[in-house]
Amino acid sequence: MPHAVVSERQRNRAKQLRQTMTHAETLLWRHLKANRIDGIGFRRQTPIKNYIADFVCFSANLIIELDGESHNFDERQKADERRDAFFISEGFRVLRFTNEQVMSNLEGVVEAIREATQVGASGSPPSPTLPHKGGGNGETDQRNLANTNKNRGMQP
C-alpha cells in the first residue's frame, strides 16, 4: 500500500505510542508481529490521516483497537464511534477489544482476529462471538460485540 502523507507531528505521536504501549497492547503485539497469524502482517500504532490505529492489517483491511478503562465513558464511546465510522469510510473493518479481554482471554481474541483476516478469502463473516474465559461484567462484552457486529455490517 502506498504511503499516505502524514504530518511530522502525527508520525512522532505514533512513535511515542509504540514506545509506551500498554501491557495488553504488548501481549497482543507478540501474537500479531512477524506475520504470526496465518502469515498476515500487522503494523502497530499506525497513522491513518488524523487518527492512529492501534493495529492495522492493510492486506485484510482490518483495524484492531484496544480499549482501556477510559473508554467506559459515554463521551469516549461516542468518539470511538466517530473514529470507527471514519475507518469504515476508508474501507477498513474495525474490531474492538477491551484490555480486560486481552488479559483474560488472549487466545479467544487472537482467534477472533484470525477469523476476521480470513473473511476476504472465504467471503463469509467471521463468528460473531468471542470465546469467553470468565471475567468481565457482560455489559461491556455485549457493547463490544454489538459494535463489532455493526462494523461487520451484521444486525445485533
C-alpha atoms as a PDB file:
ATOM      1  CA  MET A   1       0.000   0.000   0.000  1.00  0.00           C
ATOM      2  CA  PRO A   2       1.421   3.395  -0.915  1.00  0.00           C
ATOM      3  CA  HIS A   3       2.338   5.632   1.971  1.00  0.00           C
ATOM      4  CA  ALA A   4      -0.053   8.468   2.682  1.00  0.00           C
ATOM      5  CA  VAL A   5       1.289  11.849   3.622  1.00  0.00           C
ATOM      6  CA  VAL A   6       1.499  12.001   7.409  1.00  0.00           C
ATOM      7  CA  SER A   7       2.420  15.111   9.349  1.00  0.00           C
ATOM      8  CA  GLU A   8       5.618  15.086  11.360  1.00  0.00           C
ATOM      9  CA  ARG A   9       3.519  15.633  14.498  1.00  0.00           C
ATOM     10  CA  GLN A  10       1.370  12.584  13.740  1.00  0.00           C
ATOM     11  CA  ARG A  11       4.438  10.486  12.935  1.00  0.00           C
ATOM     12  CA  ASN A  12       6.085  11.480  16.227  1.00  0.00           C
ATOM     13  CA  ARG A  13       2.903  10.729  18.185  1.00  0.00           C
ATOM     14  CA  ALA A  14       2.702   7.247  16.628  1.00  0.00           C
ATOM     15  CA  LYS A  15       6.357   6.630  17.506  1.00  0.00           C
ATOM     16  CA  GLN A  16       5.700   7.726  21.090  1.00  0.00           C
ATOM     17  CA  LEU A  17       2.692   5.388  21.329  1.00  0.00           C
ATOM     18  CA  ARG A  18       4.798   2.470  20.044  1.00  0.00           C
ATOM     19  CA  GLN A  19       7.336   3.162  22.784  1.00  0.00           C
ATOM     20  CA  THR A  20       4.717   3.349  25.566  1.00  0.00           C
ATOM     21  CA  MET A  21       2.334   0.524  24.718  1.00  0.00           C
ATOM     22  CA  THR A  22       0.031  -0.782  27.439  1.00  0.00           C
ATOM     23  CA  HIS A  23       0.549  -4.268  28.832  1.00  0.00           C
ATOM     24  CA  ALA A  24      -2.467  -5.532  26.852  1.00  0.00           C
ATOM     25  CA  GLU A  25      -1.130  -3.986  23.620  1.00  0.00           C
ATOM     26  CA  THR A  26       2.269  -5.578  24.228  1.00  0.00           C
ATOM     27  CA  LEU A  27       0.724  -9.020  24.804  1.00  0.00           C
ATOM     28  CA  LEU A  28      -1.396  -8.801  21.663  1.00  0.00           C
ATOM     29  CA  TRP A  29       1.510  -7.440  19.614  1.00  0.00           C
ATOM     30  CA  ARG A  30       3.526 -10.564  20.459  1.00  0.00           C
ATOM     31  CA  HIS A  31       0.888 -12.554  18.564  1.00  0.00           C
ATOM     32  CA  LEU A  32       0.446 -10.130  15.678  1.00  0.00           C
ATOM     33  CA  LYS A  33       4.050  -9.240  14.846  1.00  0.00           C
ATOM     34  CA  ALA A  34       6.212 -11.139  12.403  1.00  0.00           C
ATOM     35  CA  ASN A  35       3.195 -12.489  10.493  1.00  0.00           C
ATOM     36  CA  ARG A  36       2.396 -14.977  13.271  1.00  0.00           C
ATOM     37  CA  ILE A  37      -1.320 -15.201  12.482  1.00  0.00           C
ATOM     38  CA  ASP A  38      -1.529 -17.215   9.266  1.00  0.00           C
ATOM     39  CA  GLY A  39       1.257 -15.169   7.663  1.00  0.00           C
ATOM     40  CA  ILE A  40      -0.797 -11.966   7.842  1.00  0.00           C
ATOM     41  CA  GLY A  41       1.218  -8.806   8.512  1.00  0.00           C
ATOM     42  CA  PHE A  42       0.153  -6.181  11.040  1.00  0.00           C
ATOM     43  CA  ARG A  43       1.557  -2.779  11.910  1.00  0.00           C
ATOM     44  CA  ARG A  44       1.207  -1.149  15.308  1.00  0.00           C
ATOM     45  CA  GLN A  45       0.317   2.434  16.159  1.00  0.00           C
ATOM     46  CA  THR A  46      -0.107   3.389  12.517  1.00  0.00           C
ATOM     47  CA  PRO A  47      -1.196   6.888  11.447  1.00  0.00           C
ATOM     48  CA  ILE A  48      -4.180   6.913   9.098  1.00  0.00           C
ATOM     49  CA  LYS A  49      -4.989  10.529   8.245  1.00  0.00           C
ATOM     50  CA  ASN A  50      -5.983  12.216  11.532  1.00  0.00           C
ATOM     51  CA  TYR A  51      -6.085   9.016  13.601  1.00  0.00           C
ATOM     52  CA  ILE A  52      -3.597   6.466  14.854  1.00  0.00           C
ATOM     53  CA  ALA A  53      -4.831   2.877  14.703  1.00  0.00           C
ATOM     54  CA  ASP A  54      -3.614   0.535  17.449  1.00  0.00           C
ATOM     55  CA  PHE A  55      -3.015  -2.303  14.969  1.00  0.00           C
ATOM     56  CA  VAL A  56      -3.711  -2.429  11.248  1.00  0.00           C
ATOM     57  CA  CYS A  57      -3.542  -5.153   8.624  1.00  0.00           C
ATOM     58  CA  PHE A  58      -3.622  -3.486   5.220  1.00  0.00           C
ATOM     59  CA  SER A  59      -3.916  -6.761   3.283  1.00  0.00           C
ATOM     60  CA  ALA A  60      -7.144  -7.654   5.138  1.00  0.00           C
ATOM     61  CA  ASN A  61      -8.353  -4.023   5.532  1.00  0.00           C
ATOM     62  CA  LEU A  62      -8.657  -4.698   9.250  1.00  0.00           C
ATOM     63  CA  ILE A  63      -8.048  -2.431  12.221  1.00  0.00           C
ATOM     64  CA  ILE A  64      -7.772  -3.746  15.768  1.00  0.00           C
ATOM     65  CA  GLU A  65      -8.464  -1.284  18.579  1.00  0.00           C
ATOM     66  CA  LEU A  66      -7.864  -1.979  22.262  1.00  0.00           C
ATOM     67  CA  ASP A  67      -9.890  -0.037  24.802  1.00  0.00           C
ATOM     68  CA  GLY A  68      -8.828   0.634  28.375  1.00  0.00           C
ATOM     69  CA  GLU A  69     -10.958   1.893  31.233  1.00  0.00           C
ATOM     70  CA  SER A  70     -11.066   5.415  29.789  1.00  0.00           C
ATOM     71  CA  HIS A  71     -13.336   4.063  27.042  1.00  0.00           C
ATOM     72  CA  ASN A  72     -16.101   3.245  29.542  1.00  0.00           C
ATOM     73  CA  PHE A  73     -17.443   6.811  29.489  1.00  0.00           C
ATOM     74  CA  ASP A  74     -20.189   7.974  27.105  1.00  0.00           C
ATOM     75  CA  GLU A  75     -18.083  10.793  25.679  1.00  0.00           C
ATOM     76  CA  ARG A  76     -15.204   8.429  24.875  1.00  0.00           C
ATOM     77  CA  GLN A  77     -17.584   5.844  23.378  1.00  0.00           C
ATOM     78  CA  LYS A  78     -19.054   8.493  21.060  1.00  0.00           C
ATOM     79  CA  ALA A  79     -15.552   9.484  19.985  1.00  0.00           C
ATOM     80  CA  ASP A  80     -14.801   5.791  19.334  1.00  0.00           C
ATOM     81  CA  GLU A  81     -17.948   5.543  17.183  1.00  0.00           C
ATOM     82  CA  ARG A  82     -16.827   8.554  15.101  1.00  0.00           C
ATOM     83  CA  ARG A  83     -13.367   7.043  14.804  1.00  0.00           C
ATOM     84  CA  ASP A  84     -14.789   3.678  13.717  1.00  0.00           C
ATOM     85  CA  ALA A  85     -17.061   5.408  11.171  1.00  0.00           C
ATOM     86  CA  PHE A  86     -14.003   7.152   9.708  1.00  0.00           C
ATOM     87  CA  PHE A  87     -12.049   3.898   9.431  1.00  0.00           C
ATOM     88  CA  ILE A  88     -15.054   2.180   7.836  1.00  0.00           C
ATOM     89  CA  SER A  89     -15.373   5.050   5.330  1.00  0.00           C
ATOM     90  CA  GLU A  90     -11.730   4.392   4.428  1.00  0.00           C
ATOM     91  CA  GLY A  91     -12.585   0.754   3.626  1.00  0.00           C
ATOM     92  CA  PHE A  92     -11.484  -0.895   6.876  1.00  0.00           C
ATOM     93  CA  ARG A  93     -13.309  -3.233   9.222  1.00  0.00           C
ATOM     94  CA  VAL A  94     -12.780  -2.479  12.903  1.00  0.00           C
ATOM     95  CA  LEU A  95     -12.547  -4.978  15.733  1.00  0.00           C
ATOM     96  CA  ARG A  96     -12.568  -3.580  19.261  1.00  0.00           C
ATOM     97  CA  PHE A  97     -11.470  -5.471  22.322  1.00  0.00           C
ATOM     98  CA  THR A  98     -11.073  -4.316  25.884  1.00  0.00           C
ATOM     99  CA  ASN A  99      -7.744  -4.585  27.638  1.00  0.00           C
ATOM    100  CA  GLU A 100      -9.522  -6.947  30.045  1.00  0.00           C
ATOM    101  CA  GLN A 101     -10.493  -9.270  27.183  1.00  0.00           C
ATOM    102  CA  VAL A 102      -6.878  -9.409  26.008  1.00  0.00           C
ATOM    103  CA  MET A 103      -5.573 -10.035  29.510  1.00  0.00           C
ATOM    104  CA  SER A 104      -8.125 -12.716  30.445  1.00  0.00           C
ATOM    105  CA  ASN A 105      -8.758 -14.376  27.076  1.00  0.00           C
ATOM    106  CA  LEU A 106      -5.824 -13.726  24.751  1.00  0.00           C
ATOM    107  CA  GLU A 107      -6.387 -16.966  22.822  1.00  0.00           C
ATOM    108  CA  GLY A 108     -10.004 -16.014  22.106  1.00  0.00           C
ATOM    109  CA  VAL A 109      -9.014 -12.532  20.935  1.00  0.00           C
ATOM    110  CA  VAL A 110      -6.325 -13.954  18.640  1.00  0.00           C
ATOM    111  CA  GLU A 111      -8.808 -16.473  17.230  1.00  0.00           C
ATOM    112  CA  ALA A 112     -11.376 -13.717  16.543  1.00  0.00           C
ATOM    113  CA  ILE A 113      -8.663 -11.746  14.716  1.00  0.00           C
ATOM    114  CA  ARG A 114      -7.635 -14.844  12.763  1.00  0.00           C
ATOM    115  CA  GLU A 115     -11.236 -15.377  11.651  1.00  0.00           C
ATOM    116  CA  ALA A 116     -11.593 -11.721  10.687  1.00  0.00           C
ATOM    117  CA  THR A 117      -8.484 -11.882   8.484  1.00  0.00           C
ATOM    118  CA  GLN A 118      -9.964 -14.866   6.651  1.00  0.00           C
ATOM    119  CA  VAL A 119     -13.189 -13.048   5.714  1.00  0.00           C
ATOM    120  CA  GLY A 120     -11.746 -11.739   2.459  1.00  0.00           C
ATOM    121  CA  ALA A 121     -10.656 -15.209   1.396  1.00  0.00           C
ATOM    122  CA  SER A 122     -13.843 -17.069   2.304  1.00  0.00           C
ATOM    123  CA  GLY A 123     -16.385 -14.322   1.645  1.00  0.00           C
ATOM    124  CA  SER A 124     -18.322 -15.198   4.795  1.00  0.00           C
ATOM    125  CA  PRO A 125     -18.359 -13.166   8.004  1.00  0.00           C
ATOM    126  CA  PRO A 126     -16.430 -14.475  10.984  1.00  0.00           C
ATOM    127  CA  SER A 127     -18.143 -15.911  14.007  1.00  0.00           C
ATOM    128  CA  PRO A 128     -19.697 -13.001  15.927  1.00  0.00           C
ATOM    129  CA  THR A 129     -18.868 -14.401  19.344  1.00  0.00           C
ATOM    130  CA  LEU A 130     -15.585 -14.211  21.168  1.00  0.00           C
ATOM    131  CA  PRO A 131     -14.878 -17.353  23.196  1.00  0.00           C
ATOM    132  CA  HIS A 132     -15.309 -16.312  26.817  1.00  0.00           C
ATOM    133  CA  LYS A 133     -12.987 -17.234  29.655  1.00  0.00           C
ATOM    134  CA  GLY A 134     -14.517 -15.642  32.750  1.00  0.00           C
ATOM    135  CA  GLY A 135     -14.055 -12.082  33.910  1.00  0.00           C
ATOM    136  CA  GLY A 136     -15.895  -9.015  32.718  1.00  0.00           C
ATOM    137  CA  ASN A 137     -19.405  -7.975  33.625  1.00  0.00           C
ATOM    138  CA  GLY A 138     -21.050  -8.995  30.355  1.00  0.00           C
ATOM    139  CA  GLU A 139     -22.358  -5.477  29.718  1.00  0.00           C
ATOM    140  CA  THR A 140     -19.086  -4.266  28.245  1.00  0.00           C
ATOM    141  CA  ASP A 141     -18.705  -7.525  26.331  1.00  0.00           C
ATOM    142  CA  GLN A 142     -22.195  -7.087  24.831  1.00  0.00           C
ATOM    143  CA  ARG A 143     -21.398  -3.486  23.799  1.00  0.00           C
ATOM    144  CA  ASN A 144     -18.173  -4.624  22.144  1.00  0.00           C
ATOM    145  CA  LEU A 145     -19.952  -7.485  20.396  1.00  0.00           C
ATOM    146  CA  ALA A 146     -22.666  -5.122  19.155  1.00  0.00           C
ATOM    147  CA  ASN A 147     -20.004  -2.668  17.883  1.00  0.00           C
ATOM    148  CA  THR A 148     -18.071  -5.490  16.235  1.00  0.00           C
ATOM    149  CA  ASN A 149     -21.212  -6.786  14.533  1.00  0.00           C
ATOM    150  CA  LYS A 150     -22.149  -3.257  13.418  1.00  0.00           C
ATOM    151  CA  ASN A 151     -18.690  -2.800  11.917  1.00  0.00           C
ATOM    152  CA  ARG A 152     -19.084  -6.079  10.056  1.00  0.00           C
ATOM    153  CA  GLY A 153     -22.466  -4.989   8.700  1.00  0.00           C
ATOM    154  CA  MET A 154     -24.349  -7.531  10.805  1.00  0.00           C
ATOM    155  CA  GLN A 155     -27.512  -6.969  12.832  1.00  0.00           C
ATOM    156  CA  PRO A 156     -27.154  -7.095  16.677  1.00  0.00           C
END
